[in-house]
Amino acid sequence: MEWTLLAGLEPAEREAVLACGRRRHYRRHEIVWHEGDPGDTLHLVRSGRLAVRVTTPGGDRATLAVVGPGDAVGELALLNRPHRRTATLEALEDVETLALGQQDFHDLRARHPAVDDMLLELLAQRVERLGQQLLDSRYASANRRVARALADLTRAYGADGPVVIPLTQDEIADLAGTTRPTLNQALQSFAAAGLVVLSRGRIEVRDVAGLRRRAGA
């Protein structure tokens, strides 16, 4: 398993982080944590995918991101302050993670100062992603936002060739920051260009490279 979060650590430091992790298993649709729960663990995803969801002011549920193998989620819990979860984390399929607790992480930092760089890098990535999402919401066309959401999902599902996206159109619209009718229009244009194949309840990305070019990635 290649952990994006741990890529900058020396092998001994990487092994020290993994040794502190506790294996956790979740079934499809099981909630790892709810929005507002106390947060004290970071999860490294070993297998499966999870959806990061929030409650809108109107009481609806919106999907913000999908995380998969090699990703980390819940990093704010490792900071030196009480933390409440800002989103709900739900398993989209059977999932296995390594859970790293706050106290274990603090002990690890004392023994391996380079681990601080690991956390700083993760937080910087989150800020960069949020900045890009803000720019997209203001200036990118709906088609480009949809292309980026689908391109991100192909990475989450680990495929450079044809890949089926097992999410609903409402969930993909949330990820793209658009409405379902607008999403449908974008998907139809992608289908006409041979980038995706649409069928009832199913989106298959056929041309991943072409879709990523549309996304500007």
N, C-alpha and C. Protein backbone atom coordinates (compact mmCIF):
# COMPACT_ATOMS: atom_id res chain seq x y z
N MET A 1 0.84 -1.20 0.00
CA MET A 1 0.00 0.00 0.00
C MET A 1 0.88 1.25 0.00
N GLU A 2 0.61 2.16 -0.94
CA GLU A 2 1.34 3.42 -0.99
C GLU A 2 0.47 4.50 -0.35
N TRP A 3 0.95 5.04 0.76
CA TRP A 3 0.20 6.05 1.50
C TRP A 3 0.67 7.43 1.06
N THR A 4 -0.21 8.20 0.45
CA THR A 4 0.14 9.55 0.01
C THR A 4 0.65 10.38 1.17
N LEU A 5 0.01 10.25 2.31
CA LEU A 5 0.36 11.04 3.48
C LEU A 5 1.77 10.75 3.98
N LEU A 6 2.22 9.49 3.82
CA LEU A 6 3.49 9.07 4.40
C LEU A 6 4.65 9.11 3.42
N ALA A 7 4.39 9.58 2.20
CA ALA A 7 5.40 9.50 1.14
C ALA A 7 6.69 10.24 1.50
N GLY A 8 6.61 11.32 2.27
CA GLY A 8 7.79 12.12 2.57
C GLY A 8 8.59 11.64 3.77
N LEU A 9 8.14 10.57 4.42
CA LEU A 9 8.84 10.07 5.60
C LEU A 9 9.89 9.03 5.23
N GLU A 10 10.90 8.93 6.08
CA GLU A 10 11.88 7.86 5.93
C GLU A 10 11.21 6.52 6.27
N PRO A 11 11.74 5.42 5.72
CA PRO A 11 11.10 4.11 5.97
C PRO A 11 10.86 3.81 7.44
N ALA A 12 11.84 4.11 8.31
CA ALA A 12 11.66 3.82 9.74
C ALA A 12 10.54 4.66 10.33
N GLU A 13 10.43 5.92 9.90
CA GLU A 13 9.37 6.80 10.40
C GLU A 13 8.02 6.33 9.89
N ARG A 14 7.99 5.90 8.63
CA ARG A 14 6.75 5.40 8.06
C ARG A 14 6.27 4.17 8.82
N GLU A 15 7.17 3.26 9.11
CA GLU A 15 6.81 2.05 9.84
C GLU A 15 6.34 2.38 11.25
N ALA A 16 6.94 3.40 11.86
CA ALA A 16 6.53 3.80 13.21
C ALA A 16 5.09 4.31 13.21
N VAL A 17 4.72 5.08 12.18
CA VAL A 17 3.35 5.58 12.08
C VAL A 17 2.39 4.41 11.91
N LEU A 18 2.70 3.50 10.99
CA LEU A 18 1.81 2.38 10.71
C LEU A 18 1.68 1.46 11.92
N ALA A 19 2.76 1.33 12.70
CA ALA A 19 2.73 0.45 13.87
C ALA A 19 1.77 0.97 14.93
N CYS A 20 1.53 2.27 14.94
CA CYS A 20 0.60 2.86 15.92
C CYS A 20 -0.86 2.70 15.50
N GLY A 21 -1.08 2.35 14.25
CA GLY A 21 -2.45 2.26 13.74
C GLY A 21 -3.17 1.01 14.22
N ARG A 22 -4.46 1.14 14.42
CA ARG A 22 -5.31 0.02 14.80
C ARG A 22 -6.29 -0.27 13.66
N ARG A 23 -6.34 -1.51 13.24
CA ARG A 23 -7.20 -1.87 12.11
C ARG A 23 -8.67 -1.74 12.50
N ARG A 24 -9.42 -1.13 11.60
CA ARG A 24 -10.85 -0.98 11.78
C ARG A 24 -11.56 -1.43 10.50
N HIS A 25 -12.71 -2.08 10.66
CA HIS A 25 -13.49 -2.56 9.52
C HIS A 25 -14.90 -1.98 9.60
N TYR A 26 -15.41 -1.57 8.44
CA TYR A 26 -16.75 -0.99 8.36
C TYR A 26 -17.50 -1.60 7.18
N ARG A 27 -18.76 -1.88 7.39
CA ARG A 27 -19.60 -2.42 6.34
C ARG A 27 -20.18 -1.29 5.48
N ARG A 28 -20.66 -1.65 4.30
CA ARG A 28 -21.28 -0.67 3.41
C ARG A 28 -22.40 0.08 4.14
N HIS A 29 -22.40 1.38 4.01
CA HIS A 29 -23.38 2.30 4.63
C HIS A 29 -23.16 2.49 6.13
N GLU A 30 -22.15 1.87 6.70
CA GLU A 30 -21.87 2.09 8.12
C GLU A 30 -21.23 3.47 8.31
N ILE A 31 -21.63 4.15 9.38
CA ILE A 31 -21.10 5.47 9.68
C ILE A 31 -19.86 5.33 10.55
N VAL A 32 -18.75 5.91 10.08
CA VAL A 32 -17.51 5.90 10.85
C VAL A 32 -17.60 6.93 11.96
N TRP A 33 -18.07 8.12 11.61
CA TRP A 33 -18.41 9.13 12.60
C TRP A 33 -19.45 10.07 12.02
N HIS A 34 -20.16 10.76 12.91
CA HIS A 34 -21.18 11.72 12.52
C HIS A 34 -20.63 13.14 12.64
N GLU A 35 -21.16 14.01 11.82
CA GLU A 35 -20.87 15.44 11.94
C GLU A 35 -21.21 15.90 13.36
N GLY A 36 -20.25 16.57 14.01
CA GLY A 36 -20.46 17.03 15.38
C GLY A 36 -19.92 16.11 16.44
N ASP A 37 -19.54 14.87 16.08
CA ASP A 37 -18.95 13.95 17.06
C ASP A 37 -17.58 14.46 17.52
N PRO A 38 -17.18 14.13 18.75
CA PRO A 38 -15.81 14.44 19.16
C PRO A 38 -14.82 13.70 18.24
N GLY A 39 -13.74 14.36 17.88
CA GLY A 39 -12.77 13.76 16.99
C GLY A 39 -11.45 13.51 17.68
N ASP A 40 -10.97 12.26 17.65
CA ASP A 40 -9.68 11.96 18.27
C ASP A 40 -8.87 10.95 17.46
N THR A 41 -9.26 10.68 16.21
CA THR A 41 -8.52 9.71 15.39
C THR A 41 -8.42 10.18 13.94
N LEU A 42 -7.29 9.86 13.36
CA LEU A 42 -7.06 9.98 11.92
C LEU A 42 -7.18 8.57 11.34
N HIS A 43 -7.81 8.45 10.18
CA HIS A 43 -7.92 7.14 9.54
C HIS A 43 -7.14 7.13 8.23
N LEU A 44 -6.28 6.12 8.08
CA LEU A 44 -5.62 5.83 6.81
C LEU A 44 -6.42 4.72 6.13
N VAL A 45 -6.87 4.97 4.91
CA VAL A 45 -7.75 4.02 4.23
C VAL A 45 -6.91 2.94 3.55
N ARG A 46 -7.13 1.69 3.96
CA ARG A 46 -6.43 0.54 3.36
C ARG A 46 -7.19 -0.01 2.16
N SER A 47 -8.50 -0.09 2.27
CA SER A 47 -9.31 -0.62 1.18
C SER A 47 -10.72 -0.05 1.27
N GLY A 48 -11.40 0.01 0.12
CA GLY A 48 -12.75 0.54 0.09
C GLY A 48 -12.78 2.05 -0.05
N ARG A 49 -13.98 2.60 -0.19
CA ARG A 49 -14.16 4.05 -0.34
C ARG A 49 -15.18 4.55 0.66
N LEU A 50 -14.98 5.81 1.06
CA LEU A 50 -15.88 6.45 2.01
C LEU A 50 -16.30 7.81 1.48
N ALA A 51 -17.51 8.22 1.83
CA ALA A 51 -18.02 9.53 1.43
C ALA A 51 -17.96 10.49 2.60
N VAL A 52 -17.49 11.70 2.32
CA VAL A 52 -17.46 12.79 3.29
C VAL A 52 -18.69 13.64 3.04
N ARG A 53 -19.59 13.72 4.00
CA ARG A 53 -20.88 14.39 3.79
C ARG A 53 -21.16 15.40 4.89
N VAL A 54 -21.88 16.47 4.52
CA VAL A 54 -22.27 17.50 5.47
C VAL A 54 -23.77 17.76 5.35
N THR A 55 -24.30 18.38 6.39
CA THR A 55 -25.70 18.79 6.39
C THR A 55 -25.79 20.26 5.97
N THR A 56 -26.62 20.54 4.97
CA THR A 56 -26.77 21.91 4.48
C THR A 56 -27.68 22.70 5.43
N PRO A 57 -27.66 24.05 5.33
CA PRO A 57 -28.57 24.85 6.17
C PRO A 57 -30.03 24.47 6.01
N GLY A 58 -30.40 23.94 4.83
CA GLY A 58 -31.78 23.53 4.60
C GLY A 58 -32.10 22.15 5.12
N GLY A 59 -31.10 21.48 5.72
CA GLY A 59 -31.33 20.15 6.28
C GLY A 59 -31.04 19.01 5.34
N ASP A 60 -30.60 19.30 4.11
CA ASP A 60 -30.27 18.25 3.17
C ASP A 60 -28.86 17.74 3.43
N ARG A 61 -28.53 16.60 2.83
CA ARG A 61 -27.18 16.04 2.96
C ARG A 61 -26.44 16.21 1.65
N ALA A 62 -25.21 16.72 1.71
CA ALA A 62 -24.40 16.95 0.51
C ALA A 62 -23.09 16.19 0.63
N THR A 63 -22.66 15.59 -0.48
CA THR A 63 -21.40 14.86 -0.52
C THR A 63 -20.29 15.81 -0.96
N LEU A 64 -19.24 15.92 -0.14
CA LEU A 64 -18.13 16.83 -0.43
C LEU A 64 -16.97 16.14 -1.10
N ALA A 65 -16.73 14.87 -0.77
CA ALA A 65 -15.57 14.17 -1.31
C ALA A 65 -15.75 12.67 -1.15
N VAL A 66 -14.99 11.94 -1.93
CA VAL A 66 -14.88 10.48 -1.78
C VAL A 66 -13.40 10.16 -1.57
N VAL A 67 -13.09 9.40 -0.52
CA VAL A 67 -11.72 9.02 -0.23
C VAL A 67 -11.57 7.52 -0.39
N GLY A 68 -10.38 7.09 -0.83
CA GLY A 68 -10.15 5.68 -1.11
C GLY A 68 -8.80 5.22 -0.64
N PRO A 69 -8.36 4.03 -1.07
CA PRO A 69 -7.10 3.46 -0.61
C PRO A 69 -5.92 4.40 -0.78
N GLY A 70 -5.14 4.54 0.29
CA GLY A 70 -3.98 5.43 0.28
C GLY A 70 -4.27 6.82 0.80
N ASP A 71 -5.56 7.16 0.96
CA ASP A 71 -5.93 8.48 1.45
C ASP A 71 -5.99 8.50 2.98
N ALA A 72 -5.96 9.72 3.53
CA ALA A 72 -6.13 9.94 4.96
C ALA A 72 -7.31 10.86 5.18
N VAL A 73 -8.01 10.66 6.29
CA VAL A 73 -9.17 11.50 6.60
C VAL A 73 -9.27 11.67 8.11
N GLY A 74 -9.67 12.88 8.53
CA GLY A 74 -9.84 13.15 9.96
C GLY A 74 -8.63 13.77 10.61
N GLU A 75 -7.78 14.44 9.80
CA GLU A 75 -6.51 14.93 10.31
C GLU A 75 -6.65 16.02 11.38
N LEU A 76 -7.75 16.77 11.38
CA LEU A 76 -7.90 17.83 12.38
C LEU A 76 -7.96 17.28 13.80
N ALA A 77 -8.32 15.99 13.92
CA ALA A 77 -8.38 15.38 15.24
C ALA A 77 -7.01 15.25 15.88
N LEU A 78 -5.94 15.38 15.09
CA LEU A 78 -4.59 15.20 15.63
C LEU A 78 -3.97 16.49 16.13
N LEU A 79 -4.68 17.59 16.02
CA LEU A 79 -4.16 18.86 16.51
C LEU A 79 -4.35 18.96 18.02
N ASN A 80 -3.59 19.86 18.64
CA ASN A 80 -3.62 19.99 20.10
C ASN A 80 -4.77 20.85 20.59
N ARG A 81 -5.98 20.42 20.29
CA ARG A 81 -7.15 21.15 20.80
C ARG A 81 -8.37 20.24 20.66
N PRO A 82 -9.40 20.48 21.48
CA PRO A 82 -10.63 19.69 21.31
C PRO A 82 -11.20 19.93 19.92
N HIS A 83 -11.68 18.87 19.31
CA HIS A 83 -12.16 18.98 17.93
C HIS A 83 -13.48 18.24 17.77
N ARG A 84 -14.40 18.86 17.05
CA ARG A 84 -15.65 18.21 16.65
C ARG A 84 -15.60 17.93 15.15
N ARG A 85 -16.09 16.78 14.75
CA ARG A 85 -16.08 16.42 13.34
C ARG A 85 -16.92 17.42 12.54
N THR A 86 -16.36 17.88 11.45
CA THR A 86 -17.06 18.88 10.62
C THR A 86 -17.89 18.23 9.53
N ALA A 87 -17.82 16.90 9.40
CA ALA A 87 -18.58 16.19 8.38
C ALA A 87 -18.83 14.77 8.86
N THR A 88 -19.80 14.12 8.24
CA THR A 88 -20.08 12.71 8.49
C THR A 88 -19.26 11.87 7.52
N LEU A 89 -18.72 10.76 7.99
CA LEU A 89 -17.94 9.85 7.16
C LEU A 89 -18.68 8.52 7.06
N GLU A 90 -19.07 8.15 5.84
CA GLU A 90 -19.88 6.95 5.62
C GLU A 90 -19.19 6.01 4.63
N ALA A 91 -19.16 4.72 4.96
CA ALA A 91 -18.57 3.72 4.07
C ALA A 91 -19.49 3.50 2.86
N LEU A 92 -18.94 3.63 1.66
CA LEU A 92 -19.69 3.36 0.44
C LEU A 92 -19.67 1.89 0.06
N GLU A 93 -18.77 1.15 0.67
CA GLU A 93 -18.61 -0.29 0.45
C GLU A 93 -17.88 -0.82 1.67
N ASP A 94 -17.55 -2.10 1.69
CA ASP A 94 -16.76 -2.62 2.81
C ASP A 94 -15.41 -1.91 2.84
N VAL A 95 -15.00 -1.46 4.03
CA VAL A 95 -13.82 -0.60 4.18
C VAL A 95 -12.93 -1.13 5.30
N GLU A 96 -11.63 -1.03 5.09
CA GLU A 96 -10.66 -1.29 6.16
C GLU A 96 -9.76 -0.07 6.29
N THR A 97 -9.55 0.38 7.52
CA THR A 97 -8.68 1.53 7.78
C THR A 97 -7.66 1.20 8.87
N LEU A 98 -6.66 2.06 8.96
CA LEU A 98 -5.78 2.09 10.13
C LEU A 98 -6.10 3.36 10.89
N ALA A 99 -6.53 3.23 12.14
CA ALA A 99 -6.91 4.39 12.95
C ALA A 99 -5.75 4.78 13.85
N LEU A 100 -5.36 6.05 13.75
CA LEU A 100 -4.25 6.58 14.54
C LEU A 100 -4.83 7.57 15.55
N GLY A 101 -4.71 7.25 16.84
CA GLY A 101 -5.28 8.08 17.89
C GLY A 101 -4.44 9.31 18.19
N GLN A 102 -5.09 10.31 18.80
CA GLN A 102 -4.42 11.57 19.09
C GLN A 102 -3.23 11.39 20.02
N GLN A 103 -3.38 10.62 21.09
CA GLN A 103 -2.28 10.45 22.04
C GLN A 103 -1.12 9.69 21.40
N ASP A 104 -1.46 8.64 20.64
CA ASP A 104 -0.40 7.90 19.94
C ASP A 104 0.36 8.81 18.99
N PHE A 105 -0.38 9.70 18.32
CA PHE A 105 0.26 10.61 17.37
C PHE A 105 1.18 11.59 18.10
N HIS A 106 0.73 12.10 19.24
CA HIS A 106 1.57 13.03 20.01
C HIS A 106 2.85 12.34 20.49
N ASP A 107 2.72 11.08 20.93
CA ASP A 107 3.91 10.33 21.35
C ASP A 107 4.85 10.12 20.17
N LEU A 108 4.27 9.84 19.03
CA LEU A 108 5.06 9.60 17.82
C LEU A 108 5.81 10.87 17.41
N ARG A 109 5.16 12.02 17.52
CA ARG A 109 5.81 13.28 17.18
C ARG A 109 7.04 13.53 18.05
N ALA A 110 6.94 13.13 19.32
CA ALA A 110 8.06 13.34 20.23
C ALA A 110 9.27 12.49 19.82
N ARG A 111 9.00 11.31 19.27
CA ARG A 111 10.09 10.42 18.88
C ARG A 111 10.58 10.69 17.46
N HIS A 112 9.68 11.17 16.60
CA HIS A 112 10.01 11.37 15.19
C HIS A 112 9.53 12.76 14.75
N PRO A 113 10.32 13.80 14.94
CA PRO A 113 9.90 15.17 14.60
C PRO A 113 9.45 15.33 13.15
N ALA A 114 9.96 14.49 12.24
CA ALA A 114 9.57 14.62 10.83
C ALA A 114 8.08 14.34 10.62
N VAL A 115 7.44 13.69 11.59
CA VAL A 115 6.01 13.41 11.47
C VAL A 115 5.21 14.71 11.44
N ASP A 116 5.73 15.76 12.09
CA ASP A 116 5.05 17.05 12.03
C ASP A 116 4.95 17.55 10.59
N ASP A 117 6.01 17.31 9.81
CA ASP A 117 5.99 17.72 8.41
C ASP A 117 4.89 16.98 7.65
N MET A 118 4.68 15.72 8.03
CA MET A 118 3.63 14.92 7.41
C MET A 118 2.26 15.56 7.60
N LEU A 119 1.97 15.95 8.84
CA LEU A 119 0.68 16.57 9.13
C LEU A 119 0.56 17.93 8.46
N LEU A 120 1.64 18.70 8.47
CA LEU A 120 1.63 20.02 7.82
C LEU A 120 1.36 19.88 6.33
N GLU A 121 1.96 18.89 5.70
CA GLU A 121 1.74 18.66 4.27
C GLU A 121 0.29 18.30 3.99
N LEU A 122 -0.29 17.47 4.83
CA LEU A 122 -1.69 17.09 4.64
C LEU A 122 -2.61 18.29 4.76
N LEU A 123 -2.39 19.11 5.78
CA LEU A 123 -3.21 20.31 5.96
C LEU A 123 -3.03 21.27 4.80
N ALA A 124 -1.79 21.40 4.28
CA ALA A 124 -1.56 22.27 3.12
C ALA A 124 -2.32 21.76 1.91
N GLN A 125 -2.36 20.44 1.73
CA GLN A 125 -3.11 19.87 0.61
C GLN A 125 -4.60 20.18 0.73
N ARG A 126 -5.10 20.11 1.96
CA ARG A 126 -6.53 20.40 2.18
C ARG A 126 -6.83 21.87 1.84
N VAL A 127 -5.97 22.77 2.28
CA VAL A 127 -6.18 24.20 1.99
C VAL A 127 -6.13 24.44 0.49
N GLU A 128 -5.17 23.82 -0.19
CA GLU A 128 -5.06 23.99 -1.64
C GLU A 128 -6.31 23.48 -2.35
N ARG A 129 -6.81 22.33 -1.90
CA ARG A 129 -8.02 21.77 -2.51
C ARG A 129 -9.22 22.68 -2.29
N LEU A 130 -9.36 23.21 -1.07
CA LEU A 130 -10.48 24.10 -0.79
C LEU A 130 -10.39 25.38 -1.63
N GLY A 131 -9.16 25.89 -1.80
CA GLY A 131 -8.97 27.06 -2.64
C GLY A 131 -9.37 26.79 -4.08
N GLN A 132 -9.01 25.62 -4.58
CA GLN A 132 -9.37 25.27 -5.96
C GLN A 132 -10.88 25.13 -6.10
N GLN A 133 -11.52 24.51 -5.10
CA GLN A 133 -12.97 24.37 -5.15
C GLN A 133 -13.66 25.73 -5.14
N LEU A 134 -13.13 26.67 -4.35
CA LEU A 134 -13.71 28.01 -4.31
C LEU A 134 -13.57 28.70 -5.66
N LEU A 135 -12.39 28.61 -6.27
CA LEU A 135 -12.19 29.20 -7.60
C LEU A 135 -13.12 28.57 -8.62
N ASP A 136 -13.24 27.24 -8.57
CA ASP A 136 -14.11 26.55 -9.52
C ASP A 136 -15.56 27.01 -9.38
N SER A 137 -16.00 27.15 -8.11
CA SER A 137 -17.40 27.53 -7.89
C SER A 137 -17.71 28.92 -8.43
N ARG A 138 -16.69 29.78 -8.49
CA ARG A 138 -16.91 31.15 -8.95
C ARG A 138 -16.65 31.34 -10.43
N TYR A 139 -15.67 30.60 -10.97
CA TYR A 139 -15.21 30.93 -12.31
C TYR A 139 -15.25 29.78 -13.32
N ALA A 140 -15.26 28.54 -12.87
CA ALA A 140 -15.25 27.42 -13.82
C ALA A 140 -16.65 27.13 -14.33
N SER A 141 -16.75 26.71 -15.57
CA SER A 141 -18.04 26.33 -16.13
C SER A 141 -18.54 25.06 -15.45
N ALA A 142 -19.86 24.83 -15.57
CA ALA A 142 -20.44 23.62 -14.97
C ALA A 142 -19.83 22.37 -15.60
N ASN A 143 -19.61 22.39 -16.92
CA ASN A 143 -19.02 21.22 -17.57
C ASN A 143 -17.64 20.91 -17.02
N ARG A 144 -16.86 21.95 -16.77
CA ARG A 144 -15.52 21.72 -16.24
C ARG A 144 -15.58 21.20 -14.82
N ARG A 145 -16.51 21.70 -14.00
CA ARG A 145 -16.65 21.22 -12.63
C ARG A 145 -17.07 19.75 -12.62
N VAL A 146 -17.97 19.38 -13.51
CA VAL A 146 -18.40 17.99 -13.60
C VAL A 146 -17.24 17.11 -14.04
N ALA A 147 -16.48 17.58 -15.03
CA ALA A 147 -15.32 16.81 -15.50
C ALA A 147 -14.33 16.60 -14.37
N ARG A 148 -14.10 17.64 -13.56
CA ARG A 148 -13.16 17.51 -12.45
C ARG A 148 -13.67 16.53 -11.40
N ALA A 149 -14.96 16.59 -11.11
CA ALA A 149 -15.53 15.67 -10.12
C ALA A 149 -15.38 14.23 -10.60
N LEU A 150 -15.67 13.98 -11.87
CA LEU A 150 -15.54 12.63 -12.40
C LEU A 150 -14.08 12.19 -12.46
N ALA A 151 -13.18 13.12 -12.82
CA ALA A 151 -11.76 12.79 -12.87
C ALA A 151 -11.25 12.43 -11.48
N ASP A 152 -11.68 13.18 -10.45
CA ASP A 152 -11.29 12.85 -9.08
C ASP A 152 -11.80 11.47 -8.68
N LEU A 153 -13.01 11.14 -9.13
CA LEU A 153 -13.59 9.84 -8.79
C LEU A 153 -12.84 8.70 -9.47
N THR A 154 -12.37 8.91 -10.69
CA THR A 154 -11.58 7.85 -11.33
C THR A 154 -10.31 7.59 -10.56
N ARG A 155 -9.74 8.63 -9.96
CA ARG A 155 -8.55 8.43 -9.12
C ARG A 155 -8.92 7.69 -7.83
N ALA A 156 -10.05 8.06 -7.24
CA ALA A 156 -10.49 7.40 -6.01
C ALA A 156 -10.74 5.92 -6.23
N TYR A 157 -11.20 5.57 -7.44
CA TYR A 157 -11.46 4.17 -7.75
C TYR A 157 -10.28 3.52 -8.45
N GLY A 158 -9.14 4.22 -8.48
CA GLY A 158 -7.88 3.62 -8.87
C GLY A 158 -7.81 3.10 -10.28
N ALA A 159 -8.38 3.82 -11.23
CA ALA A 159 -8.39 3.32 -12.59
C ALA A 159 -7.94 4.37 -13.58
N ASP A 160 -7.06 3.96 -14.51
CA ASP A 160 -6.69 4.80 -15.63
C ASP A 160 -7.38 4.34 -16.91
N GLY A 161 -8.04 3.20 -16.86
CA GLY A 161 -8.81 2.71 -17.99
C GLY A 161 -10.28 2.88 -17.70
N PRO A 162 -11.16 2.21 -18.43
CA PRO A 162 -12.60 2.33 -18.19
C PRO A 162 -12.94 2.04 -16.73
N VAL A 163 -13.77 2.88 -16.13
CA VAL A 163 -14.13 2.71 -14.72
C VAL A 163 -15.59 3.10 -14.53
N VAL A 164 -16.30 2.27 -13.78
CA VAL A 164 -17.69 2.55 -13.44
C VAL A 164 -17.71 3.37 -12.15
N ILE A 165 -18.45 4.48 -12.17
CA ILE A 165 -18.61 5.32 -10.99
C ILE A 165 -19.88 4.90 -10.26
N PRO A 166 -19.78 4.23 -9.11
CA PRO A 166 -20.96 3.69 -8.43
C PRO A 166 -21.61 4.69 -7.48
N LEU A 167 -21.79 5.92 -7.93
CA LEU A 167 -22.47 6.94 -7.13
C LEU A 167 -23.72 7.40 -7.85
N THR A 168 -24.66 7.93 -7.09
CA THR A 168 -25.86 8.47 -7.71
C THR A 168 -25.54 9.81 -8.39
N GLN A 169 -26.41 10.21 -9.31
CA GLN A 169 -26.20 11.50 -9.97
C GLN A 169 -26.33 12.65 -8.97
N ASP A 170 -27.17 12.50 -7.96
CA ASP A 170 -27.27 13.54 -6.93
C ASP A 170 -25.94 13.70 -6.21
N GLU A 171 -25.27 12.59 -5.90
CA GLU A 171 -23.98 12.65 -5.20
C GLU A 171 -22.92 13.29 -6.09
N ILE A 172 -22.91 12.94 -7.36
CA ILE A 172 -21.93 13.53 -8.27
C ILE A 172 -22.21 15.02 -8.47
N ALA A 173 -23.48 15.40 -8.53
CA ALA A 173 -23.83 16.82 -8.63
C ALA A 173 -23.32 17.59 -7.41
N ASP A 174 -23.45 16.99 -6.22
CA ASP A 174 -22.91 17.61 -5.01
C ASP A 174 -21.41 17.84 -5.14
N LEU A 175 -20.70 16.80 -5.59
CA LEU A 175 -19.24 16.90 -5.73
C LEU A 175 -18.84 17.98 -6.72
N ALA A 176 -19.66 18.16 -7.75
CA ALA A 176 -19.36 19.15 -8.79
C ALA A 176 -19.88 20.54 -8.44
N GLY A 177 -20.63 20.65 -7.36
CA GLY A 177 -21.19 21.95 -6.99
C GLY A 177 -22.20 22.46 -7.99
N THR A 178 -23.07 21.56 -8.45
CA THR A 178 -24.06 21.96 -9.44
C THR A 178 -25.37 21.22 -9.16
N THR A 179 -26.36 21.42 -10.03
CA THR A 179 -27.65 20.76 -9.87
C THR A 179 -27.70 19.50 -10.71
N ARG A 180 -28.66 18.65 -10.43
CA ARG A 180 -28.77 17.41 -11.20
C ARG A 180 -29.12 17.69 -12.67
N PRO A 181 -30.05 18.61 -12.99
CA PRO A 181 -30.30 18.89 -14.41
C PRO A 181 -29.05 19.37 -15.15
N THR A 182 -28.27 20.24 -14.50
CA THR A 182 -27.04 20.71 -15.13
C THR A 182 -26.04 19.58 -15.29
N LEU A 183 -25.97 18.71 -14.27
CA LEU A 183 -25.11 17.53 -14.38
C LEU A 183 -25.51 16.68 -15.57
N ASN A 184 -26.80 16.46 -15.74
CA ASN A 184 -27.27 15.64 -16.86
C ASN A 184 -26.85 16.23 -18.20
N GLN A 185 -26.94 17.54 -18.32
CA GLN A 185 -26.51 18.19 -19.57
C GLN A 185 -25.03 17.96 -19.83
N ALA A 186 -24.23 18.09 -18.78
CA ALA A 186 -22.79 17.88 -18.94
C ALA A 186 -22.49 16.43 -19.31
N LEU A 187 -23.17 15.49 -18.65
CA LEU A 187 -22.94 14.08 -18.95
C LEU A 187 -23.33 13.75 -20.38
N GLN A 188 -24.42 14.34 -20.86
CA GLN A 188 -24.83 14.08 -22.25
C GLN A 188 -23.78 14.59 -23.23
N SER A 189 -23.17 15.74 -22.91
CA SER A 189 -22.13 16.26 -23.81
C SER A 189 -20.89 15.38 -23.76
N PHE A 190 -20.56 14.84 -22.59
CA PHE A 190 -19.41 13.94 -22.47
C PHE A 190 -19.69 12.63 -23.20
N ALA A 191 -20.94 12.16 -23.12
CA ALA A 191 -21.29 10.92 -23.82
C ALA A 191 -21.19 11.11 -25.33
N ALA A 192 -21.64 12.27 -25.82
CA ALA A 192 -21.56 12.55 -27.26
C ALA A 192 -20.11 12.59 -27.73
N ALA A 193 -19.19 12.98 -26.84
CA ALA A 193 -17.77 13.06 -27.19
C ALA A 193 -17.06 11.73 -26.97
N GLY A 194 -17.77 10.71 -26.49
CA GLY A 194 -17.17 9.41 -26.28
C GLY A 194 -16.38 9.28 -25.00
N LEU A 195 -16.55 10.23 -24.10
CA LEU A 195 -15.80 10.19 -22.83
C LEU A 195 -16.45 9.25 -21.82
N VAL A 196 -17.78 9.20 -21.82
CA VAL A 196 -18.50 8.36 -20.88
C VAL A 196 -19.61 7.60 -21.62
N VAL A 197 -20.07 6.53 -20.99
CA VAL A 197 -21.23 5.78 -21.47
C VAL A 197 -22.26 5.80 -20.36
N LEU A 198 -23.48 6.21 -20.71
CA LEU A 198 -24.53 6.34 -19.72
C LEU A 198 -25.57 5.24 -19.92
N SER A 199 -26.01 4.66 -18.80
CA SER A 199 -27.13 3.73 -18.82
C SER A 199 -27.88 3.92 -17.52
N ARG A 200 -29.00 3.22 -17.38
CA ARG A 200 -29.84 3.45 -16.21
C ARG A 200 -29.07 3.17 -14.92
N GLY A 201 -28.90 4.23 -14.09
CA GLY A 201 -28.23 4.09 -12.81
C GLY A 201 -26.75 3.78 -12.91
N ARG A 202 -26.13 4.14 -14.04
CA ARG A 202 -24.73 3.73 -14.24
C ARG A 202 -24.00 4.76 -15.09
N ILE A 203 -22.81 5.16 -14.66
CA ILE A 203 -21.93 6.03 -15.43
C ILE A 203 -20.59 5.31 -15.57
N GLU A 204 -20.17 5.08 -16.80
CA GLU A 204 -18.88 4.45 -17.04
C GLU A 204 -17.99 5.43 -17.79
N VAL A 205 -16.85 5.74 -17.19
CA VAL A 205 -15.88 6.62 -17.84
C VAL A 205 -15.03 5.75 -18.76
N ARG A 206 -15.11 6.01 -20.07
CA ARG A 206 -14.35 5.22 -21.06
C ARG A 206 -13.02 5.86 -21.39
N ASP A 207 -12.98 7.18 -21.45
CA ASP A 207 -11.76 7.89 -21.85
C ASP A 207 -11.31 8.75 -20.66
N VAL A 208 -10.55 8.13 -19.75
CA VAL A 208 -10.13 8.83 -18.54
C VAL A 208 -9.21 10.00 -18.89
N ALA A 209 -8.26 9.78 -19.79
CA ALA A 209 -7.33 10.85 -20.16
C ALA A 209 -8.08 12.03 -20.80
N GLY A 210 -9.03 11.72 -21.67
CA GLY A 210 -9.80 12.79 -22.30
C GLY A 210 -10.62 13.57 -21.30
N LEU A 211 -11.18 12.86 -20.32
CA LEU A 211 -11.98 13.54 -19.29
C LEU A 211 -11.08 14.45 -18.46
N ARG A 212 -9.89 13.98 -18.14
CA ARG A 212 -8.98 14.80 -17.33
C ARG A 212 -8.52 16.03 -18.10
N ARG A 213 -8.41 15.90 -19.42
CA ARG A 213 -8.10 17.09 -20.22
C ARG A 213 -9.25 18.09 -20.16
N ARG A 214 -10.46 17.61 -20.21
CA ARG A 214 -11.63 18.50 -20.08
C ARG A 214 -11.63 19.19 -18.72
N ALA A 215 -11.13 18.47 -17.71
CA ALA A 215 -11.11 19.01 -16.35
C ALA A 215 -9.97 20.00 -16.15
N GLY A 216 -9.04 20.06 -17.10
CA GLY A 216 -7.88 20.92 -16.94
C GLY A 216 -6.85 20.33 -16.03
N ALA A 217 -6.91 18.99 -15.81
CA ALA A 217 -5.99 18.32 -14.89
C ALA A 217 -4.73 17.89 -15.65
